[in-house]
């Protein structure tokens, strides 16, 4: 009867993402967009590294893309929370960039898992994060291929 009073897990998750991830992901994406080509390569490296650090262990053949994206998003979210608790110095640009990269990866994976279906603003941010994550992982894969030749 009073189902609208039940806590909505999706809304709570979006609230948490806004609180802990949104500003960091926006800062990283804005920095990326204004970076020159050399600095963009650094963004690719840190974003691809954060993504690699959050890849779930695919031992369960029944796992599907949606579940894997949820697991990766949660792993990235936990890294951001842990780094926040460690209170990285505001002047530590490298540390902040790494935390921002994990926040961006978390948002990208949340978007891939359809977590932002009810929130257009987060959906747009997630789409931008997915694009950067795709570019970063493609760039790093291409660099690895060049290095092997």
N, C-alpha and C. Protein backbone atom coordinates (compact mmCIF):
# COMPACT_ATOMS: atom_id res chain seq x y z
N UNK A 1 0.81 -1.20 0.00
CA UNK A 1 0.00 0.00 0.00
C UNK A 1 0.86 1.26 0.00
N UNK A 2 1.73 1.41 0.97
CA UNK A 2 2.57 2.59 1.06
C UNK A 2 3.96 2.32 0.49
N UNK A 3 3.99 1.80 -0.72
CA UNK A 3 5.27 1.41 -1.33
C UNK A 3 6.19 2.60 -1.59
N UNK A 4 5.62 3.81 -1.72
CA UNK A 4 6.48 4.96 -1.97
C UNK A 4 7.31 5.34 -0.74
N UNK A 5 6.96 4.78 0.44
CA UNK A 5 7.74 5.04 1.64
C UNK A 5 8.93 4.09 1.78
N UNK A 6 8.91 3.01 1.02
CA UNK A 6 10.02 2.06 1.09
C UNK A 6 11.28 2.72 0.54
N UNK A 7 12.39 2.46 1.20
CA UNK A 7 13.62 3.07 0.69
C UNK A 7 13.95 2.52 -0.70
N UNK A 8 14.27 3.41 -1.58
CA UNK A 8 14.61 3.03 -2.94
C UNK A 8 16.13 2.92 -3.02
N UNK A 9 16.62 1.71 -3.21
CA UNK A 9 18.06 1.48 -3.24
C UNK A 9 18.75 2.24 -4.36
N UNK A 10 18.07 2.33 -5.50
CA UNK A 10 18.68 3.03 -6.63
C UNK A 10 18.84 4.52 -6.31
N UNK A 11 17.81 5.13 -5.73
CA UNK A 11 17.92 6.55 -5.37
C UNK A 11 19.00 6.78 -4.32
N UNK A 12 19.09 5.86 -3.36
CA UNK A 12 20.11 5.98 -2.32
C UNK A 12 21.51 5.87 -2.93
N UNK A 13 21.67 4.95 -3.89
CA UNK A 13 22.95 4.78 -4.55
C UNK A 13 23.31 6.05 -5.34
N UNK A 14 22.34 6.60 -6.04
CA UNK A 14 22.60 7.82 -6.80
C UNK A 14 22.99 8.96 -5.86
N UNK A 15 22.31 9.06 -4.73
CA UNK A 15 22.66 10.08 -3.74
C UNK A 15 24.11 9.91 -3.27
N UNK A 16 24.49 8.68 -2.99
CA UNK A 16 25.87 8.41 -2.57
C UNK A 16 26.86 8.73 -3.69
N UNK A 17 26.50 8.39 -4.92
CA UNK A 17 27.38 8.70 -6.05
C UNK A 17 27.54 10.21 -6.21
N UNK A 18 26.45 10.94 -6.05
CA UNK A 18 26.54 12.40 -6.15
C UNK A 18 27.45 12.95 -5.06
N UNK A 19 27.34 12.38 -3.89
CA UNK A 19 28.11 12.86 -2.74
C UNK A 19 29.60 12.55 -2.89
N UNK A 20 29.93 11.35 -3.32
CA UNK A 20 31.33 10.91 -3.31
C UNK A 20 32.02 10.87 -4.68
N UNK A 21 31.26 10.80 -5.75
CA UNK A 21 31.86 10.58 -7.07
C UNK A 21 31.69 11.73 -8.05
N UNK A 22 30.54 12.37 -8.04
CA UNK A 22 30.19 13.31 -9.10
C UNK A 22 31.22 14.43 -9.27
N UNK A 23 31.55 15.14 -8.21
CA UNK A 23 32.47 16.27 -8.34
C UNK A 23 33.85 15.80 -8.82
N UNK A 24 34.28 14.66 -8.33
CA UNK A 24 35.59 14.14 -8.74
C UNK A 24 35.60 13.77 -10.22
N UNK A 25 34.55 13.10 -10.67
CA UNK A 25 34.48 12.71 -12.08
C UNK A 25 34.39 13.95 -12.97
N UNK A 26 33.59 14.92 -12.57
CA UNK A 26 33.49 16.16 -13.35
C UNK A 26 34.83 16.87 -13.44
N UNK A 27 35.56 16.92 -12.33
CA UNK A 27 36.87 17.57 -12.32
C UNK A 27 37.83 16.86 -13.28
N UNK A 28 37.83 15.52 -13.24
CA UNK A 28 38.71 14.77 -14.13
C UNK A 28 38.32 14.99 -15.59
N UNK A 29 37.04 14.93 -15.89
CA UNK A 29 36.60 15.10 -17.28
C UNK A 29 36.90 16.51 -17.79
N UNK A 30 36.69 17.52 -16.96
CA UNK A 30 37.01 18.90 -17.38
C UNK A 30 38.51 19.05 -17.61
N UNK A 31 39.30 18.47 -16.71
CA UNK A 31 40.75 18.53 -16.87
C UNK A 31 41.19 17.84 -18.15
N UNK A 32 40.58 16.70 -18.42
CA UNK A 32 40.90 15.96 -19.65
C UNK A 32 40.57 16.80 -20.88
N UNK A 33 39.40 17.40 -20.89
CA UNK A 33 38.98 18.18 -22.07
C UNK A 33 39.87 19.39 -22.32
N UNK A 34 40.44 19.95 -21.26
CA UNK A 34 41.29 21.13 -21.45
C UNK A 34 42.77 20.77 -21.58
N UNK A 35 43.11 19.49 -21.52
CA UNK A 35 44.51 19.07 -21.55
C UNK A 35 45.06 19.05 -22.98
N UNK A 36 46.37 19.27 -23.07
CA UNK A 36 47.03 19.11 -24.36
C UNK A 36 47.26 17.61 -24.60
N UNK A 37 47.81 17.27 -25.75
CA UNK A 37 47.93 15.86 -26.14
C UNK A 37 48.79 15.06 -25.16
N UNK A 38 49.88 15.63 -24.68
CA UNK A 38 50.75 14.93 -23.74
C UNK A 38 50.03 14.65 -22.42
N UNK A 39 49.32 15.63 -21.91
CA UNK A 39 48.58 15.44 -20.65
C UNK A 39 47.42 14.47 -20.83
N UNK A 40 46.81 14.45 -22.00
CA UNK A 40 45.73 13.49 -22.25
C UNK A 40 46.24 12.07 -22.12
N UNK A 41 47.46 11.84 -22.55
CA UNK A 41 48.04 10.50 -22.42
C UNK A 41 48.15 10.10 -20.95
N UNK A 42 48.46 11.04 -20.09
CA UNK A 42 48.51 10.76 -18.64
C UNK A 42 47.13 10.42 -18.12
N UNK A 43 46.12 11.13 -18.60
CA UNK A 43 44.74 10.81 -18.21
C UNK A 43 44.40 9.39 -18.66
N UNK A 44 44.78 9.03 -19.86
CA UNK A 44 44.50 7.69 -20.36
C UNK A 44 45.15 6.64 -19.45
N UNK A 45 46.39 6.89 -19.09
CA UNK A 45 47.11 5.93 -18.25
C UNK A 45 46.44 5.75 -16.89
N UNK A 46 46.08 6.85 -16.26
CA UNK A 46 45.51 6.74 -14.91
C UNK A 46 44.09 6.17 -14.95
N UNK A 47 43.30 6.52 -15.95
CA UNK A 47 41.93 5.99 -16.05
C UNK A 47 41.98 4.50 -16.40
N UNK A 48 42.82 4.13 -17.34
CA UNK A 48 42.94 2.71 -17.71
C UNK A 48 43.48 1.90 -16.53
N UNK A 49 44.39 2.47 -15.78
CA UNK A 49 44.91 1.79 -14.59
C UNK A 49 43.85 1.58 -13.54
N UNK A 50 43.03 2.61 -13.32
CA UNK A 50 41.94 2.48 -12.35
C UNK A 50 40.93 1.44 -12.82
N UNK A 51 40.64 1.43 -14.10
CA UNK A 51 39.70 0.45 -14.65
C UNK A 51 40.25 -0.97 -14.48
N UNK A 52 41.53 -1.14 -14.76
CA UNK A 52 42.14 -2.46 -14.62
C UNK A 52 42.12 -2.92 -13.16
N UNK A 53 42.28 -1.98 -12.25
CA UNK A 53 42.26 -2.31 -10.83
C UNK A 53 40.90 -2.71 -10.31
N UNK A 54 39.86 -2.45 -11.08
CA UNK A 54 38.49 -2.74 -10.64
C UNK A 54 37.84 -3.89 -11.39
N UNK A 55 38.58 -4.51 -12.28
CA UNK A 55 38.00 -5.60 -13.05
C UNK A 55 37.70 -6.78 -12.15
N UNK A 56 36.47 -7.26 -12.20
CA UNK A 56 36.10 -8.40 -11.35
C UNK A 56 36.73 -9.69 -11.86
N UNK A 57 36.89 -10.62 -10.95
CA UNK A 57 37.39 -11.95 -11.29
C UNK A 57 36.25 -12.70 -11.96
N UNK A 58 36.44 -13.08 -13.19
CA UNK A 58 35.36 -13.71 -13.96
C UNK A 58 35.51 -15.23 -13.87
N UNK A 59 35.31 -15.75 -12.67
CA UNK A 59 35.37 -17.20 -12.50
C UNK A 59 34.00 -17.83 -12.66
N UNK A 60 32.96 -17.02 -12.55
CA UNK A 60 31.59 -17.52 -12.69
C UNK A 60 31.15 -17.32 -14.13
N UNK A 61 31.00 -18.41 -14.91
CA UNK A 61 30.61 -18.27 -16.31
C UNK A 61 29.18 -17.75 -16.49
N UNK A 62 28.41 -17.74 -15.42
CA UNK A 62 27.04 -17.25 -15.49
C UNK A 62 26.96 -15.73 -15.36
N UNK A 63 28.06 -15.12 -14.98
CA UNK A 63 28.07 -13.66 -14.84
C UNK A 63 27.85 -13.01 -16.20
N UNK A 64 27.03 -12.00 -16.21
CA UNK A 64 26.77 -11.27 -17.45
C UNK A 64 27.32 -9.86 -17.32
N UNK A 65 27.33 -9.15 -18.43
CA UNK A 65 27.90 -7.81 -18.47
C UNK A 65 27.34 -6.87 -17.42
N UNK A 66 26.05 -6.93 -17.20
CA UNK A 66 25.41 -6.06 -16.21
C UNK A 66 25.95 -6.33 -14.82
N UNK A 67 26.06 -7.58 -14.45
CA UNK A 67 26.59 -7.93 -13.13
C UNK A 67 28.06 -7.55 -13.00
N UNK A 68 28.82 -7.77 -14.05
CA UNK A 68 30.24 -7.42 -14.02
C UNK A 68 30.43 -5.91 -13.88
N UNK A 69 29.59 -5.13 -14.56
CA UNK A 69 29.66 -3.67 -14.44
C UNK A 69 29.32 -3.23 -13.02
N UNK A 70 28.33 -3.87 -12.41
CA UNK A 70 27.96 -3.53 -11.03
C UNK A 70 29.10 -3.83 -10.06
N UNK A 71 29.74 -4.98 -10.25
CA UNK A 71 30.85 -5.37 -9.38
C UNK A 71 32.02 -4.40 -9.56
N UNK A 72 32.34 -4.06 -10.80
CA UNK A 72 33.44 -3.13 -11.06
C UNK A 72 33.13 -1.74 -10.49
N UNK A 73 31.90 -1.30 -10.63
CA UNK A 73 31.50 0.01 -10.10
C UNK A 73 31.65 0.04 -8.58
N UNK A 74 31.21 -1.02 -7.94
CA UNK A 74 31.31 -1.09 -6.48
C UNK A 74 32.76 -1.12 -6.02
N UNK A 75 33.60 -1.84 -6.75
CA UNK A 75 35.03 -1.89 -6.41
C UNK A 75 35.66 -0.50 -6.53
N UNK A 76 35.35 0.21 -7.60
CA UNK A 76 35.89 1.57 -7.78
C UNK A 76 35.36 2.51 -6.70
N UNK A 77 34.08 2.38 -6.38
CA UNK A 77 33.47 3.21 -5.33
C UNK A 77 34.19 2.99 -4.00
N UNK A 78 34.49 1.75 -3.68
CA UNK A 78 35.18 1.43 -2.43
C UNK A 78 36.57 2.04 -2.39
N UNK A 79 37.25 2.05 -3.52
CA UNK A 79 38.58 2.66 -3.57
C UNK A 79 38.48 4.16 -3.30
N UNK A 80 37.49 4.80 -3.90
CA UNK A 80 37.30 6.24 -3.68
C UNK A 80 37.04 6.51 -2.20
N UNK A 81 36.14 5.75 -1.61
CA UNK A 81 35.80 5.94 -0.19
C UNK A 81 37.03 5.72 0.70
N UNK A 82 37.81 4.69 0.39
CA UNK A 82 39.00 4.42 1.19
C UNK A 82 40.00 5.57 1.07
N UNK A 83 40.19 6.06 -0.15
CA UNK A 83 41.13 7.16 -0.35
C UNK A 83 40.62 8.43 0.31
N UNK A 84 39.31 8.63 0.34
CA UNK A 84 38.75 9.79 1.05
C UNK A 84 39.02 9.69 2.55
N UNK A 85 38.85 8.51 3.10
CA UNK A 85 39.09 8.32 4.54
C UNK A 85 40.56 8.54 4.88
N UNK A 86 41.45 8.23 3.94
CA UNK A 86 42.88 8.44 4.17
C UNK A 86 43.24 9.92 4.10
N UNK A 87 42.27 10.73 3.69
CA UNK A 87 42.43 12.18 3.63
C UNK A 87 43.71 12.59 2.91
N UNK A 88 43.72 12.29 1.63
CA UNK A 88 44.86 12.67 0.79
C UNK A 88 44.96 14.20 0.76
N UNK A 89 46.17 14.69 0.86
CA UNK A 89 46.43 16.12 0.86
C UNK A 89 45.85 16.77 -0.40
N UNK A 90 45.12 17.86 -0.22
CA UNK A 90 44.51 18.58 -1.34
C UNK A 90 45.55 19.01 -2.37
N UNK A 91 46.78 19.24 -1.93
CA UNK A 91 47.84 19.69 -2.84
C UNK A 91 48.51 18.53 -3.56
N UNK A 92 48.16 17.30 -3.22
CA UNK A 92 48.72 16.13 -3.88
C UNK A 92 47.97 15.90 -5.18
N UNK A 93 48.47 16.49 -6.26
CA UNK A 93 47.78 16.42 -7.54
C UNK A 93 47.71 15.00 -8.09
N UNK A 94 48.76 14.24 -7.91
CA UNK A 94 48.77 12.87 -8.41
C UNK A 94 47.76 12.02 -7.63
N UNK A 95 47.76 12.15 -6.31
CA UNK A 95 46.81 11.41 -5.49
C UNK A 95 45.37 11.77 -5.81
N UNK A 96 45.12 13.06 -6.00
CA UNK A 96 43.77 13.50 -6.36
C UNK A 96 43.37 12.98 -7.73
N UNK A 97 44.30 12.99 -8.67
CA UNK A 97 44.02 12.49 -10.01
C UNK A 97 43.66 11.00 -9.97
N UNK A 98 44.38 10.24 -9.17
CA UNK A 98 44.09 8.81 -9.05
C UNK A 98 42.71 8.60 -8.45
N UNK A 99 42.39 9.32 -7.39
CA UNK A 99 41.06 9.18 -6.78
C UNK A 99 39.97 9.61 -7.76
N UNK A 100 40.21 10.69 -8.48
CA UNK A 100 39.25 11.15 -9.49
C UNK A 100 39.06 10.11 -10.59
N UNK A 101 40.13 9.44 -10.96
CA UNK A 101 40.04 8.40 -11.99
C UNK A 101 39.17 7.24 -11.51
N UNK A 102 39.34 6.83 -10.27
CA UNK A 102 38.49 5.76 -9.73
C UNK A 102 37.03 6.21 -9.67
N UNK A 103 36.79 7.47 -9.33
CA UNK A 103 35.42 7.99 -9.31
C UNK A 103 34.82 7.96 -10.72
N UNK A 104 35.61 8.32 -11.70
CA UNK A 104 35.16 8.31 -13.08
C UNK A 104 34.86 6.88 -13.55
N UNK A 105 35.72 5.95 -13.18
CA UNK A 105 35.50 4.55 -13.52
C UNK A 105 34.23 4.03 -12.85
N UNK A 106 34.02 4.40 -11.61
CA UNK A 106 32.80 3.97 -10.91
C UNK A 106 31.56 4.48 -11.62
N UNK A 107 31.57 5.74 -11.99
CA UNK A 107 30.41 6.32 -12.68
C UNK A 107 30.22 5.67 -14.05
N UNK A 108 31.31 5.41 -14.76
CA UNK A 108 31.20 4.75 -16.07
C UNK A 108 30.55 3.37 -15.94
N UNK A 109 30.98 2.62 -14.96
CA UNK A 109 30.42 1.28 -14.77
C UNK A 109 28.98 1.33 -14.25
N UNK A 110 28.66 2.33 -13.43
CA UNK A 110 27.27 2.48 -12.99
C UNK A 110 26.39 2.78 -14.21
N UNK A 111 26.89 3.62 -15.10
CA UNK A 111 26.14 3.94 -16.32
C UNK A 111 25.97 2.69 -17.17
N UNK A 112 27.01 1.91 -17.28
CA UNK A 112 26.94 0.68 -18.07
C UNK A 112 25.97 -0.34 -17.46
N UNK A 113 25.78 -0.26 -16.15
CA UNK A 113 24.86 -1.19 -15.48
C UNK A 113 23.45 -0.64 -15.39
N UNK A 114 23.19 0.47 -16.09
CA UNK A 114 21.86 1.10 -16.15
C UNK A 114 21.40 1.62 -14.79
N UNK A 115 22.32 1.98 -13.93
CA UNK A 115 21.96 2.47 -12.60
C UNK A 115 21.39 3.88 -12.61
N UNK A 116 21.65 4.63 -13.65
CA UNK A 116 21.21 6.03 -13.69
C UNK A 116 20.00 6.25 -14.59
N UNK A 117 19.19 5.25 -14.80
CA UNK A 117 18.06 5.38 -15.72
C UNK A 117 17.09 6.48 -15.31
N UNK A 118 16.96 6.75 -14.03
CA UNK A 118 16.02 7.77 -13.58
C UNK A 118 16.61 9.14 -13.37
N UNK A 119 17.87 9.32 -13.69
CA UNK A 119 18.56 10.58 -13.41
C UNK A 119 19.32 11.03 -14.66
N UNK A 120 18.74 11.94 -15.41
CA UNK A 120 19.33 12.38 -16.69
C UNK A 120 20.71 12.99 -16.53
N UNK A 121 20.90 13.78 -15.48
CA UNK A 121 22.19 14.44 -15.28
C UNK A 121 23.31 13.42 -15.02
N UNK A 122 23.03 12.45 -14.18
CA UNK A 122 24.03 11.42 -13.91
C UNK A 122 24.22 10.51 -15.13
N UNK A 123 23.15 10.32 -15.89
CA UNK A 123 23.26 9.51 -17.10
C UNK A 123 24.21 10.19 -18.10
N UNK A 124 24.09 11.51 -18.24
CA UNK A 124 24.99 12.24 -19.15
C UNK A 124 26.43 12.19 -18.66
N UNK A 125 26.61 12.37 -17.36
CA UNK A 125 27.96 12.28 -16.80
C UNK A 125 28.51 10.87 -17.01
N UNK A 126 27.67 9.88 -16.79
CA UNK A 126 28.08 8.50 -16.99
C UNK A 126 28.46 8.21 -18.43
N UNK A 127 27.72 8.77 -19.36
CA UNK A 127 28.03 8.58 -20.77
C UNK A 127 29.40 9.17 -21.10
N UNK A 128 29.68 10.36 -20.59
CA UNK A 128 31.00 10.98 -20.81
C UNK A 128 32.10 10.12 -20.19
N UNK A 129 31.83 9.59 -19.00
CA UNK A 129 32.82 8.74 -18.33
C UNK A 129 33.06 7.45 -19.12
N UNK A 130 32.00 6.87 -19.66
CA UNK A 130 32.14 5.66 -20.48
C UNK A 130 32.99 5.96 -21.71
N UNK A 131 32.76 7.09 -22.34
CA UNK A 131 33.54 7.45 -23.54
C UNK A 131 35.02 7.59 -23.19
N UNK A 132 35.32 8.28 -22.09
CA UNK A 132 36.72 8.44 -21.70
C UNK A 132 37.34 7.09 -21.35
N UNK A 133 36.61 6.26 -20.64
CA UNK A 133 37.12 4.94 -20.28
C UNK A 133 37.41 4.11 -21.53
N UNK A 134 36.54 4.18 -22.50
CA UNK A 134 36.74 3.46 -23.76
C UNK A 134 37.98 3.96 -24.50
N UNK A 135 38.11 5.28 -24.58
CA UNK A 135 39.27 5.86 -25.24
C UNK A 135 40.55 5.47 -24.51
N UNK A 136 40.53 5.56 -23.18
CA UNK A 136 41.72 5.27 -22.39
C UNK A 136 42.15 3.82 -22.52
N UNK A 137 41.21 2.90 -22.43
CA UNK A 137 41.59 1.48 -22.53
C UNK A 137 42.03 1.13 -23.95
N UNK A 138 41.40 1.73 -24.95
CA UNK A 138 41.82 1.50 -26.35
C UNK A 138 43.22 2.04 -26.59
N UNK A 139 43.49 3.23 -26.07
CA UNK A 139 44.80 3.85 -26.22
C UNK A 139 45.88 2.98 -25.57
N UNK A 140 45.60 2.53 -24.36
CA UNK A 140 46.60 1.72 -23.64
C UNK A 140 46.81 0.36 -24.32
N UNK A 141 45.75 -0.22 -24.85
CA UNK A 141 45.88 -1.48 -25.59
C UNK A 141 46.72 -1.27 -26.85
N UNK A 142 46.51 -0.16 -27.54
CA UNK A 142 47.29 0.15 -28.74
C UNK A 142 48.76 0.37 -28.38
N UNK A 143 49.00 1.05 -27.26
CA UNK A 143 50.38 1.28 -26.83
C UNK A 143 51.08 -0.04 -26.48
N UNK A 144 50.33 -0.94 -25.86
CA UNK A 144 50.89 -2.26 -25.51
C UNK A 144 51.20 -3.03 -26.79
N UNK A 145 50.35 -2.91 -27.80
CA UNK A 145 50.59 -3.58 -29.07
C UNK A 145 51.82 -3.04 -29.78
N UNK A 146 52.02 -1.74 -29.72
CA UNK A 146 53.21 -1.11 -30.32
C UNK A 146 54.46 -1.56 -29.58
N UNK A 147 54.38 -1.66 -28.26
CA UNK A 147 55.54 -2.04 -27.46
C UNK A 147 55.93 -3.48 -27.71
N UNK A 148 54.97 -4.33 -28.06
CA UNK A 148 55.28 -5.75 -28.29
C UNK A 148 55.94 -5.98 -29.65
N UNK A 149 55.78 -5.06 -30.58
CA UNK A 149 56.34 -5.24 -31.93
C UNK A 149 57.80 -4.93 -31.98
